[in-house]
Amino acid sequence: MIQTETDEMYMRRCLQLAKNGQLSARPNPMVGAVIVSEEGRIIGEGCHIRCGEGHAEVNAFASVRAEDEPLLDKATLYVSLEPCSHYGKTPPCADLIVRKGVRRVVCGCIDPFSEVQGRGIRRIRDAGIEVTTGVLEKECLDLNRKFITFHTHKRPYILLKWAQTVNGKIGNSTARPSQNGTSAQLRHIPLLLSTPFTKMLVHKLRAENDAILVGRITEELEHPRLNVREWSGNSPQKFVLSSSLSFQNPAHVFPNIPSLLKHLYENEMQSLVVEGGRKLLQSFIDRGLWDEIRVETAPFVVEDGTDAPTLPKNLTITQVGNFGNTIITYRRKTSESE
């Protein structure tokens, strides 16, 4: 039990370090590594900061001071994701670990990437190094859920997002003359539901994802920029779902959901935020194409408005934030949460 608690303590430090690569490691996973001497002192640590640069294990070993190098043969390496075993933009970390000759390796979770999938662990074990796996496995898998979804389901991680009133309305319906001026028709008018703080959180969310999608009607009526202005980081690539190509950038317009998801997968865009109107959001829900749903609720009522999408049944609440407006995040139920 003492060893398990110790392993979890250092693995939590790995997770802390890994988050430093949240905005810059993509499309690679976020990984943290810690090297601990026999007496329990951290003698090295690192994370994967940027795709194409050193992995977490490389940076951890590089941080070990010269006077601590002799301690490596009895040290334990903690790493949140299985060390790679293949040549990519950098050499295999598994080979580096073997060369450094640590006594033990503790790994949070197995890498689902087809070039790894247990090969790194086998390489280390074959060299006579003790390997423990599955320490804080759930937390380690969750950290890289976008990367894992992309490689296991061959599609991006899909996050549906909308803001609504407390009575479940996402827009006003107001009458305006039709084009010929002879009758009136209902037109969707977007509501200003977010507060300045929750708007900032929306921009933070955009910076953390690769692509963002709206439907034709939202694009034609609102022309949303959908970029990052109130947070640091890169803006997601904007796409429009429409059978019409009468847009300024037709290369970013797709006629249906399958063609869009195929394009995103082929271009290594691992996550998609859907910010469209009810019809678009409901179409993803009805197809079961969602991994996370984020709903912001403003504390007021609007009559005769456009109804928000209907939430699916197979979900569980993973996070609740109260910022004047309430933001609830849902994910799919698993056998553990049911």
C-alpha atoms as a PDB file:
ATOM      1  CA  MET A   1       0.000   0.000   0.000  1.00  0.00           C
ATOM      2  CA  ILE A   2       2.830   2.403   0.820  1.00  0.00           C
ATOM      3  CA  GLN A   3       4.417   1.753  -2.573  1.00  0.00           C
ATOM      4  CA  THR A   4       1.075   2.359  -4.319  1.00  0.00           C
ATOM      5  CA  GLU A   5       0.550   5.667  -2.529  1.00  0.00           C
ATOM      6  CA  THR A   6       4.093   6.692  -3.417  1.00  0.00           C
ATOM      7  CA  ASP A   7       3.573   5.772  -7.065  1.00  0.00           C
ATOM      8  CA  GLU A   8       0.347   7.773  -7.200  1.00  0.00           C
ATOM      9  CA  MET A   9       2.010  10.805  -5.637  1.00  0.00           C
ATOM     10  CA  TYR A  10       4.725  10.956  -8.289  1.00  0.00           C
ATOM     11  CA  MET A  11       2.263  10.139 -11.081  1.00  0.00           C
ATOM     12  CA  ARG A  12       0.185  13.156 -10.063  1.00  0.00           C
ATOM     13  CA  ARG A  13       3.303  15.246 -10.538  1.00  0.00           C
ATOM     14  CA  CYS A  14       3.635  13.722 -14.032  1.00  0.00           C
ATOM     15  CA  LEU A  15       0.082  14.825 -14.818  1.00  0.00           C
ATOM     16  CA  GLN A  16       0.818  18.350 -13.583  1.00  0.00           C
ATOM     17  CA  LEU A  17       3.873  18.567 -15.824  1.00  0.00           C
ATOM     18  CA  ALA A  18       2.045  17.106 -18.820  1.00  0.00           C
ATOM     19  CA  LYS A  19      -0.532  19.913 -18.842  1.00  0.00           C
ATOM     20  CA  ASN A  20       2.212  22.386 -19.759  1.00  0.00           C
ATOM     21  CA  GLY A  21       1.948  21.034 -23.303  1.00  0.00           C
ATOM     22  CA  GLN A  22      -1.798  21.485 -23.639  1.00  0.00           C
ATOM     23  CA  LEU A  23      -1.636  24.205 -26.285  1.00  0.00           C
ATOM     24  CA  SER A  24       1.617  23.307 -28.019  1.00  0.00           C
ATOM     25  CA  ALA A  25       2.128  19.525 -28.006  1.00  0.00           C
ATOM     26  CA  ARG A  26      -0.670  18.788 -30.497  1.00  0.00           C
ATOM     27  CA  PRO A  27      -1.022  16.556 -32.431  1.00  0.00           C
ATOM     28  CA  ASN A  28       1.201  14.651 -29.993  1.00  0.00           C
ATOM     29  CA  PRO A  29      -0.181  13.680 -26.573  1.00  0.00           C
ATOM     30  CA  MET A  30       0.547  15.542 -23.360  1.00  0.00           C
ATOM     31  CA  VAL A  31       3.112  13.614 -21.307  1.00  0.00           C
ATOM     32  CA  GLY A  32       4.962  14.255 -18.064  1.00  0.00           C
ATOM     33  CA  ALA A  33       7.907  12.355 -16.575  1.00  0.00           C
ATOM     34  CA  VAL A  34       9.603  12.348 -13.157  1.00  0.00           C
ATOM     35  CA  ILE A  35      12.811  10.572 -12.084  1.00  0.00           C
ATOM     36  CA  VAL A  36      13.021   9.663  -8.397  1.00  0.00           C
ATOM     37  CA  SER A  37      16.123   8.416  -6.608  1.00  0.00           C
ATOM     38  CA  GLU A  38      16.128   5.380  -4.311  1.00  0.00           C
ATOM     39  CA  GLU A  39      15.772   7.598  -1.233  1.00  0.00           C
ATOM     40  CA  GLY A  40      12.721   9.356  -2.700  1.00  0.00           C
ATOM     41  CA  ARG A  41      14.246  12.576  -4.039  1.00  0.00           C
ATOM     42  CA  ILE A  42      13.188  13.958  -7.429  1.00  0.00           C
ATOM     43  CA  ILE A  43      16.386  14.237  -9.456  1.00  0.00           C
ATOM     44  CA  GLY A  44      14.825  15.002 -12.836  1.00  0.00           C
ATOM     45  CA  GLU A  45      11.530  15.908 -14.444  1.00  0.00           C
ATOM     46  CA  GLY A  46      10.209  17.091 -17.772  1.00  0.00           C
ATOM     47  CA  CYS A  47       7.271  17.225 -20.156  1.00  0.00           C
ATOM     48  CA  HIS A  48       6.614  17.199 -23.887  1.00  0.00           C
ATOM     49  CA  ILE A  49       6.303  20.847 -24.820  1.00  0.00           C
ATOM     50  CA  ARG A  50       6.114  20.941 -28.606  1.00  0.00           C
ATOM     51  CA  CYS A  51       5.562  18.484 -31.435  1.00  0.00           C
ATOM     52  CA  GLY A  52       8.895  17.613 -33.070  1.00  0.00           C
ATOM     53  CA  GLU A  53      10.899  18.439 -29.971  1.00  0.00           C
ATOM     54  CA  GLY A  54      12.057  16.284 -27.056  1.00  0.00           C
ATOM     55  CA  HIS A  55       9.602  13.950 -25.375  1.00  0.00           C
ATOM     56  CA  ALA A  56       8.952  14.080 -21.639  1.00  0.00           C
ATOM     57  CA  GLU A  57      11.422  11.287 -20.857  1.00  0.00           C
ATOM     58  CA  VAL A  58      14.183  12.987 -22.877  1.00  0.00           C
ATOM     59  CA  ASN A  59      13.654  16.279 -21.061  1.00  0.00           C
ATOM     60  CA  ALA A  60      13.523  14.546 -17.668  1.00  0.00           C
ATOM     61  CA  PHE A  61      16.850  12.782 -18.196  1.00  0.00           C
ATOM     62  CA  ALA A  62      18.383  15.986 -19.570  1.00  0.00           C
ATOM     63  CA  SER A  63      17.438  17.797 -16.353  1.00  0.00           C
ATOM     64  CA  VAL A  64      19.393  15.380 -14.132  1.00  0.00           C
ATOM     65  CA  ARG A  65      22.473  17.093 -12.728  1.00  0.00           C
ATOM     66  CA  ALA A  66      25.868  15.532 -13.349  1.00  0.00           C
ATOM     67  CA  GLU A  67      26.351  14.731  -9.670  1.00  0.00           C
ATOM     68  CA  ASP A  68      23.050  12.782  -9.655  1.00  0.00           C
ATOM     69  CA  GLU A  69      23.808  10.650 -12.727  1.00  0.00           C
ATOM     70  CA  PRO A  70      25.252   7.810 -10.584  1.00  0.00           C
ATOM     71  CA  LEU A  71      21.856   7.502  -8.865  1.00  0.00           C
ATOM     72  CA  LEU A  72      20.038   6.461 -12.045  1.00  0.00           C
ATOM     73  CA  ASP A  73      20.788   2.737 -11.761  1.00  0.00           C
ATOM     74  CA  LYS A  74      18.613   2.568  -8.633  1.00  0.00           C
ATOM     75  CA  ALA A  75      16.112   5.255  -9.634  1.00  0.00           C
ATOM     76  CA  THR A  76      12.468   4.991 -10.737  1.00  0.00           C
ATOM     77  CA  LEU A  77      11.146   6.743 -13.823  1.00  0.00           C
ATOM     78  CA  TYR A  78       7.491   7.783 -13.664  1.00  0.00           C
ATOM     79  CA  VAL A  79       5.793   8.642 -16.952  1.00  0.00           C
ATOM     80  CA  SER A  80       2.105   9.335 -17.586  1.00  0.00           C
ATOM     81  CA  LEU A  81       2.002   7.612 -21.001  1.00  0.00           C
ATOM     82  CA  GLU A  82       3.822   4.556 -22.321  1.00  0.00           C
ATOM     83  CA  PRO A  83       7.271   5.468 -23.731  1.00  0.00           C
ATOM     84  CA  CYS A  84       7.434   5.363 -27.512  1.00  0.00           C
ATOM     85  CA  SER A  85       9.314   2.524 -29.234  1.00  0.00           C
ATOM     86  CA  HIS A  86       9.409   3.795 -32.827  1.00  0.00           C
ATOM     87  CA  TYR A  87      11.421   6.337 -34.783  1.00  0.00           C
ATOM     88  CA  GLY A  88       9.336   9.402 -35.584  1.00  0.00           C
ATOM     89  CA  LYS A  89      10.547  12.978 -35.425  1.00  0.00           C
ATOM     90  CA  THR A  90      12.604  11.901 -32.416  1.00  0.00           C
ATOM     91  CA  PRO A  91      14.342   8.590 -31.461  1.00  0.00           C
ATOM     92  CA  PRO A  92      12.499   5.982 -29.338  1.00  0.00           C
ATOM     93  CA  CYS A  93      12.242   6.896 -25.676  1.00  0.00           C
ATOM     94  CA  ALA A  94      12.213   3.209 -24.730  1.00  0.00           C
ATOM     95  CA  ASP A  95      15.773   2.863 -26.040  1.00  0.00           C
ATOM     96  CA  LEU A  96      16.877   5.928 -24.080  1.00  0.00           C
ATOM     97  CA  ILE A  97      15.415   4.495 -20.876  1.00  0.00           C
ATOM     98  CA  VAL A  98      17.280   1.223 -21.432  1.00  0.00           C
ATOM     99  CA  ARG A  99      20.556   3.083 -22.067  1.00  0.00           C
ATOM    100  CA  LYS A 100      20.129   5.149 -18.900  1.00  0.00           C
ATOM    101  CA  GLY A 101      19.652   1.920 -16.935  1.00  0.00           C
ATOM    102  CA  VAL A 102      17.027   2.955 -14.376  1.00  0.00           C
ATOM    103  CA  ARG A 103      15.915   0.226 -11.982  1.00  0.00           C
ATOM    104  CA  ARG A 104      12.163   0.636 -12.438  1.00  0.00           C
ATOM    105  CA  VAL A 105       9.615   2.338 -14.698  1.00  0.00           C
ATOM    106  CA  VAL A 106       6.076   3.259 -13.602  1.00  0.00           C
ATOM    107  CA  CYS A 107       3.693   4.000 -16.481  1.00  0.00           C
ATOM    108  CA  GLY A 108       0.268   5.597 -16.145  1.00  0.00           C
ATOM    109  CA  CYS A 109      -1.387   4.081 -19.215  1.00  0.00           C
ATOM    110  CA  ILE A 110      -0.700   2.255 -22.464  1.00  0.00           C
ATOM    111  CA  ASP A 111      -0.383   4.367 -25.607  1.00  0.00           C
ATOM    112  CA  PRO A 112      -3.193   3.457 -28.070  1.00  0.00           C
ATOM    113  CA  PHE A 113      -1.200   4.756 -31.035  1.00  0.00           C
ATOM    114  CA  SER A 114      -0.652   1.901 -33.488  1.00  0.00           C
ATOM    115  CA  GLU A 115       3.121   2.440 -33.537  1.00  0.00           C
ATOM    116  CA  VAL A 116       3.348   1.921 -29.772  1.00  0.00           C
ATOM    117  CA  GLN A 117       0.527  -0.129 -28.128  1.00  0.00           C
ATOM    118  CA  GLY A 118       2.621  -1.974 -25.568  1.00  0.00           C
ATOM    119  CA  ARG A 119       5.805  -2.225 -27.602  1.00  0.00           C
ATOM    120  CA  GLY A 120       7.591   0.364 -25.499  1.00  0.00           C
ATOM    121  CA  ILE A 121       6.850  -1.498 -22.295  1.00  0.00           C
ATOM    122  CA  ARG A 122       7.959  -4.811 -23.817  1.00  0.00           C
ATOM    123  CA  ARG A 123      11.223  -3.244 -24.966  1.00  0.00           C
ATOM    124  CA  ILE A 124      11.945  -1.989 -21.446  1.00  0.00           C
ATOM    125  CA  ARG A 125      10.988  -5.257 -19.757  1.00  0.00           C
ATOM    126  CA  ASP A 126      13.077  -7.275 -22.210  1.00  0.00           C
ATOM    127  CA  ALA A 127      16.065  -5.226 -21.008  1.00  0.00           C
ATOM    128  CA  GLY A 128      15.477  -6.483 -17.465  1.00  0.00           C
ATOM    129  CA  ILE A 129      13.910  -3.300 -16.092  1.00  0.00           C
ATOM    130  CA  GLU A 130      10.926  -3.689 -13.763  1.00  0.00           C
ATOM    131  CA  VAL A 131       7.758  -2.043 -15.181  1.00  0.00           C
ATOM    132  CA  THR A 132       4.543  -1.177 -13.345  1.00  0.00           C
ATOM    133  CA  THR A 133       1.533  -0.037 -15.388  1.00  0.00           C
ATOM    134  CA  GLY A 134      -1.917   1.366 -14.664  1.00  0.00           C
ATOM    135  CA  VAL A 135      -1.041   3.862 -11.915  1.00  0.00           C
ATOM    136  CA  LEU A 136      -3.746   6.569 -12.003  1.00  0.00           C
ATOM    137  CA  GLU A 137      -4.711   5.024 -15.330  1.00  0.00           C
ATOM    138  CA  LYS A 138      -8.129   6.708 -15.511  1.00  0.00           C
ATOM    139  CA  GLU A 139      -6.641  10.171 -14.954  1.00  0.00           C
ATOM    140  CA  CYS A 140      -3.845   9.553 -17.465  1.00  0.00           C
ATOM    141  CA  LEU A 141      -6.264   8.342 -20.138  1.00  0.00           C
ATOM    142  CA  ASP A 142      -8.604  11.274 -19.495  1.00  0.00           C
ATOM    143  CA  LEU A 143      -5.805  13.793 -19.917  1.00  0.00           C
ATOM    144  CA  ASN A 144      -5.275  12.630 -23.504  1.00  0.00           C
ATOM    145  CA  ARG A 145      -8.876  11.708 -24.344  1.00  0.00           C
ATOM    146  CA  LYS A 146      -8.759  13.708 -27.583  1.00  0.00           C
ATOM    147  CA  PHE A 147      -5.582  11.964 -28.757  1.00  0.00           C
ATOM    148  CA  ILE A 148      -6.980   8.573 -27.745  1.00  0.00           C
ATOM    149  CA  THR A 149     -10.375   9.111 -29.403  1.00  0.00           C
ATOM    150  CA  PHE A 150      -8.660  10.208 -32.607  1.00  0.00           C
ATOM    151  CA  HIS A 151      -6.477   7.093 -32.801  1.00  0.00           C
ATOM    152  CA  THR A 152      -9.043   4.536 -31.616  1.00  0.00           C
ATOM    153  CA  HIS A 153     -12.187   5.791 -33.421  1.00  0.00           C
ATOM    154  CA  LYS A 154     -10.444   7.343 -36.446  1.00  0.00           C
ATOM    155  CA  ARG A 155     -12.264  10.636 -35.984  1.00  0.00           C
ATOM    156  CA  PRO A 156     -11.820  13.804 -33.931  1.00  0.00           C
ATOM    157  CA  TYR A 157     -13.022  14.159 -30.360  1.00  0.00           C
ATOM    158  CA  ILE A 158     -16.392  15.945 -30.680  1.00  0.00           C
ATOM    159  CA  LEU A 159     -17.518  18.560 -28.166  1.00  0.00           C
ATOM    160  CA  LEU A 160     -21.015  20.028 -28.549  1.00  0.00           C
ATOM    161  CA  LYS A 161     -21.515  23.453 -27.007  1.00  0.00           C
ATOM    162  CA  TRP A 162     -24.400  25.855 -26.589  1.00  0.00           C
ATOM    163  CA  ALA A 163     -25.755  28.559 -24.291  1.00  0.00           C
ATOM    164  CA  GLN A 164     -29.395  28.646 -23.229  1.00  0.00           C
ATOM    165  CA  THR A 165     -31.838  30.391 -20.921  1.00  0.00           C
ATOM    166  CA  VAL A 166     -33.060  28.748 -17.745  1.00  0.00           C
ATOM    167  CA  ASN A 167     -36.191  27.639 -19.618  1.00  0.00           C
ATOM    168  CA  GLY A 168     -34.150  26.029 -22.377  1.00  0.00           C
ATOM    169  CA  LYS A 169     -34.168  28.627 -25.171  1.00  0.00           C
ATOM    170  CA  ILE A 170     -31.116  29.325 -27.346  1.00  0.00           C
ATOM    171  CA  GLY A 171     -32.567  32.153 -29.438  1.00  0.00           C
ATOM    172  CA  ASN A 172     -35.464  34.543 -29.905  1.00  0.00           C
ATOM    173  CA  SER A 173     -38.077  34.100 -32.600  1.00  0.00           C
ATOM    174  CA  THR A 174     -39.191  37.408 -33.995  1.00  0.00           C
ATOM    175  CA  ALA A 175     -41.372  38.348 -36.984  1.00  0.00           C
ATOM    176  CA  ARG A 176     -39.974  40.236 -39.941  1.00  0.00           C
ATOM    177  CA  PRO A 177     -41.313  40.876 -43.460  1.00  0.00           C
ATOM    178  CA  SER A 178     -40.560  38.280 -46.090  1.00  0.00           C
ATOM    179  CA  GLN A 179     -38.578  39.262 -49.170  1.00  0.00           C
ATOM    180  CA  ASN A 180     -41.683  40.147 -51.192  1.00  0.00           C
ATOM    181  CA  GLY A 181     -43.064  42.196 -48.314  1.00  0.00           C
ATOM    182  CA  THR A 182     -46.455  40.487 -48.341  1.00  0.00           C
ATOM    183  CA  SER A 183     -46.216  38.343 -45.227  1.00  0.00           C
ATOM    184  CA  ALA A 184     -44.261  37.885 -42.062  1.00  0.00           C
ATOM    185  CA  GLN A 185     -41.969  35.014 -41.180  1.00  0.00           C
ATOM    186  CA  LEU A 186     -40.132  33.943 -38.047  1.00  0.00           C
ATOM    187  CA  ARG A 187     -36.438  34.599 -37.884  1.00  0.00           C
ATOM    188  CA  HIS A 188     -33.959  33.254 -35.333  1.00  0.00           C
ATOM    189  CA  ILE A 189     -32.240  36.043 -33.424  1.00  0.00           C
ATOM    190  CA  PRO A 190     -29.202  35.052 -31.337  1.00  0.00           C
ATOM    191  CA  LEU A 191     -29.423  35.823 -27.635  1.00  0.00           C
ATOM    192  CA  LEU A 192     -26.578  37.435 -25.737  1.00  0.00           C
ATOM    193  CA  LEU A 193     -26.388  34.834 -23.018  1.00  0.00           C
ATOM    194  CA  SER A 194     -22.732  34.716 -21.946  1.00  0.00           C
ATOM    195  CA  THR A 195     -21.227  36.987 -19.328  1.00  0.00           C
ATOM    196  CA  PRO A 196     -17.813  38.607 -19.931  1.00  0.00           C
ATOM    197  CA  PHE A 197     -16.215  35.876 -17.807  1.00  0.00           C
ATOM    198  CA  THR A 198     -17.948  32.936 -19.487  1.00  0.00           C
ATOM    199  CA  LYS A 199     -17.174  34.483 -22.867  1.00  0.00           C
ATOM    200  CA  MET A 200     -13.501  34.389 -21.903  1.00  0.00           C
ATOM    201  CA  LEU A 201     -13.918  30.701 -21.035  1.00  0.00           C
ATOM    202  CA  VAL A 202     -15.353  30.112 -24.511  1.00  0.00           C
ATOM    203  CA  HIS A 203     -12.226  31.610 -26.058  1.00  0.00           C
ATOM    204  CA  LYS A 204     -10.094  29.422 -23.768  1.00  0.00           C
ATOM    205  CA  LEU A 205     -12.026  26.401 -25.026  1.00  0.00           C
ATOM    206  CA  ARG A 206     -11.408  27.402 -28.641  1.00  0.00           C
ATOM    207  CA  ALA A 207      -7.667  27.685 -28.017  1.00  0.00           C
ATOM    208  CA  GLU A 208      -7.674  24.107 -26.715  1.00  0.00           C
ATOM    209  CA  ASN A 209      -9.258  22.604 -29.845  1.00  0.00           C
ATOM    210  CA  ASP A 210      -8.300  22.176 -33.489  1.00  0.00           C
ATOM    211  CA  ALA A 211     -11.527  22.834 -35.403  1.00  0.00           C
ATOM    212  CA  ILE A 212     -14.887  24.530 -34.905  1.00  0.00           C
ATOM    213  CA  LEU A 213     -18.140  24.070 -36.833  1.00  0.00           C
ATOM    214  CA  VAL A 214     -21.328  26.030 -37.510  1.00  0.00           C
ATOM    215  CA  GLY A 215     -24.223  25.433 -39.876  1.00  0.00           C
ATOM    216  CA  ARG A 216     -25.290  27.387 -42.951  1.00  0.00           C
ATOM    217  CA  ILE A 217     -27.996  29.438 -41.219  1.00  0.00           C
ATOM    218  CA  THR A 218     -25.717  30.535 -38.386  1.00  0.00           C
ATOM    219  CA  GLU A 219     -23.022  31.487 -40.892  1.00  0.00           C
ATOM    220  CA  GLU A 220     -25.399  33.473 -43.096  1.00  0.00           C
ATOM    221  CA  LEU A 221     -27.146  35.308 -40.266  1.00  0.00           C
ATOM    222  CA  GLU A 222     -24.291  35.930 -37.855  1.00  0.00           C
ATOM    223  CA  HIS A 223     -20.966  35.472 -39.729  1.00  0.00           C
ATOM    224  CA  PRO A 224     -19.280  34.432 -36.456  1.00  0.00           C
ATOM    225  CA  ARG A 225     -15.496  34.758 -36.333  1.00  0.00           C
ATOM    226  CA  LEU A 226     -15.123  31.851 -33.875  1.00  0.00           C
ATOM    227  CA  ASN A 227     -11.500  32.749 -33.175  1.00  0.00           C
ATOM    228  CA  VAL A 228      -9.439  33.321 -30.035  1.00  0.00           C
ATOM    229  CA  ARG A 229      -9.458  36.959 -28.970  1.00  0.00           C
ATOM    230  CA  GLU A 230      -9.786  36.892 -25.188  1.00  0.00           C
ATOM    231  CA  TRP A 231      -7.310  34.098 -24.410  1.00  0.00           C
ATOM    232  CA  SER A 232      -3.834  33.088 -25.545  1.00  0.00           C
ATOM    233  CA  GLY A 233      -3.294  30.400 -28.147  1.00  0.00           C
ATOM    234  CA  ASN A 234      -4.110  29.602 -31.751  1.00  0.00           C
ATOM    235  CA  SER A 235      -7.610  29.921 -33.178  1.00  0.00           C
ATOM    236  CA  PRO A 236      -9.349  26.713 -34.288  1.00  0.00           C
ATOM    237  CA  GLN A 237      -9.951  26.126 -38.006  1.00  0.00           C
ATOM    238  CA  LYS A 238     -13.484  27.244 -38.864  1.00  0.00           C
ATOM    239  CA  PHE A 239     -15.781  25.008 -40.929  1.00  0.00           C
ATOM    240  CA  VAL A 240     -19.342  25.334 -42.193  1.00  0.00           C
ATOM    241  CA  LEU A 241     -21.767  22.481 -42.801  1.00  0.00           C
ATOM    242  CA  SER A 242     -23.804  23.308 -45.920  1.00  0.00           C
ATOM    243  CA  SER A 243     -24.682  21.833 -49.309  1.00  0.00           C
ATOM    244  CA  SER A 244     -24.159  25.302 -50.769  1.00  0.00           C
ATOM    245  CA  LEU A 245     -20.695  26.436 -51.837  1.00  0.00           C
ATOM    246  CA  SER A 246     -21.579  30.117 -52.041  1.00  0.00           C
ATOM    247  CA  PHE A 247     -19.122  31.117 -49.334  1.00  0.00           C
ATOM    248  CA  GLN A 248     -15.893  33.064 -49.431  1.00  0.00           C
ATOM    249  CA  ASN A 249     -13.854  29.967 -48.592  1.00  0.00           C
ATOM    250  CA  PRO A 250     -15.573  26.923 -50.132  1.00  0.00           C
ATOM    251  CA  ALA A 251     -12.629  24.705 -49.106  1.00  0.00           C
ATOM    252  CA  HIS A 252     -13.936  24.957 -45.530  1.00  0.00           C
ATOM    253  CA  VAL A 253     -17.546  24.084 -46.439  1.00  0.00           C
ATOM    254  CA  PHE A 254     -18.707  20.466 -46.282  1.00  0.00           C
ATOM    255  CA  PRO A 255     -22.063  19.028 -47.426  1.00  0.00           C
ATOM    256  CA  ASN A 256     -22.403  16.465 -44.641  1.00  0.00           C
ATOM    257  CA  ILE A 257     -20.981  15.295 -41.351  1.00  0.00           C
ATOM    258  CA  PRO A 258     -19.136  12.177 -42.643  1.00  0.00           C
ATOM    259  CA  SER A 259     -17.201  14.175 -45.244  1.00  0.00           C
ATOM    260  CA  LEU A 260     -16.208  16.737 -42.618  1.00  0.00           C
ATOM    261  CA  LEU A 261     -15.037  14.131 -40.106  1.00  0.00           C
ATOM    262  CA  LYS A 262     -13.064  12.346 -42.823  1.00  0.00           C
ATOM    263  CA  HIS A 263     -11.321  15.610 -43.738  1.00  0.00           C
ATOM    264  CA  LEU A 264     -10.493  16.370 -40.107  1.00  0.00           C
ATOM    265  CA  TYR A 265      -9.066  12.889 -39.532  1.00  0.00           C
ATOM    266  CA  GLU A 266      -6.953  12.963 -42.680  1.00  0.00           C
ATOM    267  CA  ASN A 267      -5.547  16.357 -41.647  1.00  0.00           C
ATOM    268  CA  GLU A 268      -4.764  15.266 -38.066  1.00  0.00           C
ATOM    269  CA  MET A 269      -7.292  17.607 -36.451  1.00  0.00           C
ATOM    270  CA  GLN A 270      -7.964  15.711 -33.251  1.00  0.00           C
ATOM    271  CA  SER A 271     -10.817  17.756 -31.790  1.00  0.00           C
ATOM    272  CA  LEU A 272     -13.932  19.508 -33.063  1.00  0.00           C
ATOM    273  CA  VAL A 273     -16.172  22.018 -31.266  1.00  0.00           C
ATOM    274  CA  VAL A 274     -19.711  22.247 -32.686  1.00  0.00           C
ATOM    275  CA  GLU A 275     -21.198  25.693 -32.028  1.00  0.00           C
ATOM    276  CA  GLY A 276     -24.087  25.702 -34.478  1.00  0.00           C
ATOM    277  CA  GLY A 277     -27.812  26.149 -33.976  1.00  0.00           C
ATOM    278  CA  ARG A 278     -30.314  23.583 -32.749  1.00  0.00           C
ATOM    279  CA  LYS A 279     -30.591  21.658 -36.024  1.00  0.00           C
ATOM    280  CA  LEU A 280     -26.850  21.128 -36.383  1.00  0.00           C
ATOM    281  CA  LEU A 281     -26.287  20.246 -32.734  1.00  0.00           C
ATOM    282  CA  GLN A 282     -29.247  17.859 -32.679  1.00  0.00           C
ATOM    283  CA  SER A 283     -27.995  16.107 -35.802  1.00  0.00           C
ATOM    284  CA  PHE A 284     -24.749  15.201 -34.003  1.00  0.00           C
ATOM    285  CA  ILE A 285     -26.675  14.032 -30.935  1.00  0.00           C
ATOM    286  CA  ASP A 286     -29.081  11.919 -32.986  1.00  0.00           C
ATOM    287  CA  ARG A 287     -26.153  10.227 -34.761  1.00  0.00           C
ATOM    288  CA  GLY A 288     -24.372   9.518 -31.497  1.00  0.00           C
ATOM    289  CA  LEU A 289     -21.436  11.601 -32.702  1.00  0.00           C
ATOM    290  CA  TRP A 290     -20.390  13.329 -29.508  1.00  0.00           C
ATOM    291  CA  ASP A 291     -17.901  12.779 -26.711  1.00  0.00           C
ATOM    292  CA  GLU A 292     -18.585  15.803 -24.526  1.00  0.00           C
ATOM    293  CA  ILE A 293     -21.429  18.313 -24.197  1.00  0.00           C
ATOM    294  CA  ARG A 294     -21.019  21.697 -22.555  1.00  0.00           C
ATOM    295  CA  VAL A 295     -24.137  23.736 -21.718  1.00  0.00           C
ATOM    296  CA  GLU A 296     -24.082  27.265 -20.338  1.00  0.00           C
ATOM    297  CA  THR A 297     -27.359  28.392 -18.711  1.00  0.00           C
ATOM    298  CA  ALA A 298     -28.214  32.039 -18.105  1.00  0.00           C
ATOM    299  CA  PRO A 299     -30.547  32.756 -15.152  1.00  0.00           C
ATOM    300  CA  PHE A 300     -33.436  34.326 -17.058  1.00  0.00           C
ATOM    301  CA  VAL A 301     -36.441  33.306 -19.134  1.00  0.00           C
ATOM    302  CA  VAL A 302     -37.295  34.043 -22.771  1.00  0.00           C
ATOM    303  CA  GLU A 303     -40.754  33.286 -24.136  1.00  0.00           C
ATOM    304  CA  ASP A 304     -41.440  32.027 -27.663  1.00  0.00           C
ATOM    305  CA  GLY A 305     -37.792  31.311 -28.339  1.00  0.00           C
ATOM    306  CA  THR A 306     -35.936  28.571 -30.186  1.00  0.00           C
ATOM    307  CA  ASP A 307     -35.647  25.410 -28.106  1.00  0.00           C
ATOM    308  CA  ALA A 308     -32.235  24.113 -27.122  1.00  0.00           C
ATOM    309  CA  PRO A 309     -31.211  20.651 -28.366  1.00  0.00           C
ATOM    310  CA  THR A 310     -32.468  17.618 -26.466  1.00  0.00           C
ATOM    311  CA  LEU A 311     -29.755  16.069 -24.337  1.00  0.00           C
ATOM    312  CA  PRO A 312     -29.098  12.359 -24.905  1.00  0.00           C
ATOM    313  CA  LYS A 313     -29.873   9.892 -22.128  1.00  0.00           C
ATOM    314  CA  ASN A 314     -26.530   8.127 -21.894  1.00  0.00           C
ATOM    315  CA  LEU A 315     -24.588  10.904 -20.188  1.00  0.00           C
ATOM    316  CA  THR A 316     -23.171  11.804 -16.836  1.00  0.00           C
ATOM    317  CA  ILE A 317     -22.191  15.160 -15.334  1.00  0.00           C
ATOM    318  CA  THR A 318     -18.424  15.538 -15.038  1.00  0.00           C
ATOM    319  CA  GLN A 319     -18.125  19.194 -14.071  1.00  0.00           C
ATOM    320  CA  VAL A 320     -20.320  22.038 -12.800  1.00  0.00           C
ATOM    321  CA  GLY A 321     -19.172  25.650 -12.721  1.00  0.00           C
ATOM    322  CA  ASN A 322     -21.158  28.550 -11.259  1.00  0.00           C
ATOM    323  CA  PHE A 323     -20.063  31.909 -12.666  1.00  0.00           C
ATOM    324  CA  GLY A 324     -23.362  33.820 -12.479  1.00  0.00           C
ATOM    325  CA  ASN A 325     -24.241  31.606 -15.441  1.00  0.00           C
ATOM    326  CA  THR A 326     -23.965  27.878 -14.779  1.00  0.00           C
ATOM    327  CA  ILE A 327     -21.785  25.714 -17.035  1.00  0.00           C
ATOM    328  CA  ILE A 328     -22.369  21.965 -16.926  1.00  0.00           C
ATOM    329  CA  THR A 329     -20.126  19.511 -18.766  1.00  0.00           C
ATOM    330  CA  TYR A 330     -21.436  16.062 -19.689  1.00  0.00           C
ATOM    331  CA  ARG A 331     -19.751  12.964 -21.033  1.00  0.00           C
ATOM    332  CA  ARG A 332     -20.952   9.511 -21.983  1.00  0.00           C
ATOM    333  CA  LYS A 333     -21.812   7.139 -19.178  1.00  0.00           C
ATOM    334  CA  THR A 334     -19.435   4.250 -18.672  1.00  0.00           C
ATOM    335  CA  SER A 335     -20.046   1.007 -16.827  1.00  0.00           C
ATOM    336  CA  GLU A 336     -18.262   2.519 -13.820  1.00  0.00           C
ATOM    337  CA  SER A 337     -20.480   5.623 -13.658  1.00  0.00           C
ATOM    338  CA  GLU A 338     -23.847   3.975 -14.345  1.00  0.00           C
END
